[in-house]
Amino acid sequence: MTASHAATAPSLAATQRRIWMLAWPIMLSNITVPLLGLADSAVLAHLPDPQHLGAVAIGAQLFTLLLWSFGFLRTH
C-alpha cells in the first residue's frame, strides 16, 4: 500500500460507524415484527372467547412468515 492510498483510506472506526448507521434501522425493523403479534395477543387476551386469540396468533405467524420469506426482495 502506498503512502497516498493510506492517507485516503477511511479508518476502521469510520468504516464501522458507517456500517452501524446503515444497519441499525434494519435491526430495529426486525425486532419490531414479533412485537406486532405480541401486542395483538395482549389486547385480545382480554376477550372471553379463545378463538379470537388463536386466530390472531395464527395471523401473526403467517405475517411473520411472509415478511421473512419475501424479505430478500427489499435488499439492494
Protein backbone atom coordinates (compact mmCIF):
# COMPACT_ATOMS: atom_id res chain seq x y z
CA MET A 1 0.00 0.00 0.00
CA THR A 2 1.40 3.38 -0.92
CA ALA A 3 1.51 6.39 1.37
CA SER A 4 -1.10 8.27 -0.68
CA HIS A 5 -3.50 5.31 -0.55
CA ALA A 6 -3.11 5.02 3.22
CA ALA A 7 -3.86 8.71 3.64
CA THR A 8 -7.13 8.47 1.69
CA ALA A 9 -8.36 5.15 3.08
CA PRO A 10 -11.02 5.55 5.79
CA SER A 11 -10.10 4.42 9.26
CA LEU A 12 -11.53 1.24 10.74
CA ALA A 13 -13.61 3.21 13.25
CA ALA A 14 -15.11 5.37 10.50
CA THR A 15 -15.97 2.29 8.43
CA GLN A 16 -17.61 0.58 11.39
CA ARG A 17 -19.57 3.75 12.16
CA ARG A 18 -20.87 3.89 8.59
CA ILE A 19 -21.88 0.22 8.70
CA TRP A 20 -23.67 0.75 12.02
CA MET A 21 -25.55 3.76 10.62
CA LEU A 22 -26.82 1.56 7.78
CA ALA A 23 -27.59 -1.47 9.93
CA TRP A 24 -29.48 -0.09 12.93
CA PRO A 25 -32.77 0.70 11.12
CA ILE A 26 -32.90 -2.82 9.69
CA MET A 27 -32.14 -4.33 13.09
CA LEU A 28 -34.90 -2.24 14.68
CA SER A 29 -37.35 -3.32 11.99
CA ASN A 30 -36.53 -7.00 12.52
CA ILE A 31 -37.03 -6.64 16.27
CA THR A 32 -40.43 -4.97 15.94
CA VAL A 33 -42.03 -7.64 13.70
CA PRO A 34 -42.69 -10.13 16.54
CA LEU A 35 -43.84 -7.28 18.79
CA LEU A 36 -46.81 -6.71 16.46
CA GLY A 37 -48.18 -10.18 17.18
CA LEU A 38 -47.40 -9.79 20.87
CA ALA A 39 -49.36 -6.54 21.10
CA ASP A 40 -52.33 -8.04 19.25
CA SER A 41 -52.31 -11.07 21.54
CA ALA A 42 -52.14 -8.90 24.63
CA VAL A 43 -55.18 -6.89 23.55
CA LEU A 44 -57.24 -9.92 22.51
CA ALA A 45 -56.34 -11.95 25.60
CA HIS A 46 -58.95 -9.92 27.49
CA LEU A 47 -61.79 -11.27 25.34
CA PRO A 48 -63.78 -14.19 26.76
CA ASP A 49 -63.62 -16.29 23.58
CA PRO A 50 -60.27 -18.08 22.96
CA GLN A 51 -60.92 -18.43 19.20
CA HIS A 52 -60.11 -14.74 18.70
CA LEU A 53 -56.73 -15.12 20.37
CA GLY A 54 -55.97 -18.25 18.33
CA ALA A 55 -56.89 -16.51 15.08
CA VAL A 56 -54.63 -13.55 15.85
CA ALA A 57 -51.77 -15.86 16.84
CA ILE A 58 -52.04 -17.74 13.53
CA GLY A 59 -52.33 -14.47 11.62
CA ALA A 60 -49.24 -13.06 13.31
CA GLN A 61 -47.27 -16.20 12.45
CA LEU A 62 -48.37 -16.03 8.81
CA PHE A 63 -47.48 -12.34 8.64
CA THR A 64 -44.03 -13.03 10.05
CA LEU A 65 -43.55 -15.95 7.65
CA LEU A 66 -44.47 -13.80 4.65
CA LEU A 67 -42.28 -10.94 5.79
CA TRP A 68 -39.23 -13.17 6.26
CA SER A 69 -39.94 -15.17 3.08
CA PHE A 70 -40.03 -12.10 0.87
CA GLY A 71 -37.51 -10.07 2.86
CA PHE A 72 -34.83 -10.63 0.24
CA LEU A 73 -36.81 -8.51 -2.22
CA ARG A 74 -36.17 -5.29 -0.31
CA THR A 75 -32.40 -5.63 -0.26
CA HIS A 76 -30.27 -3.75 -2.74
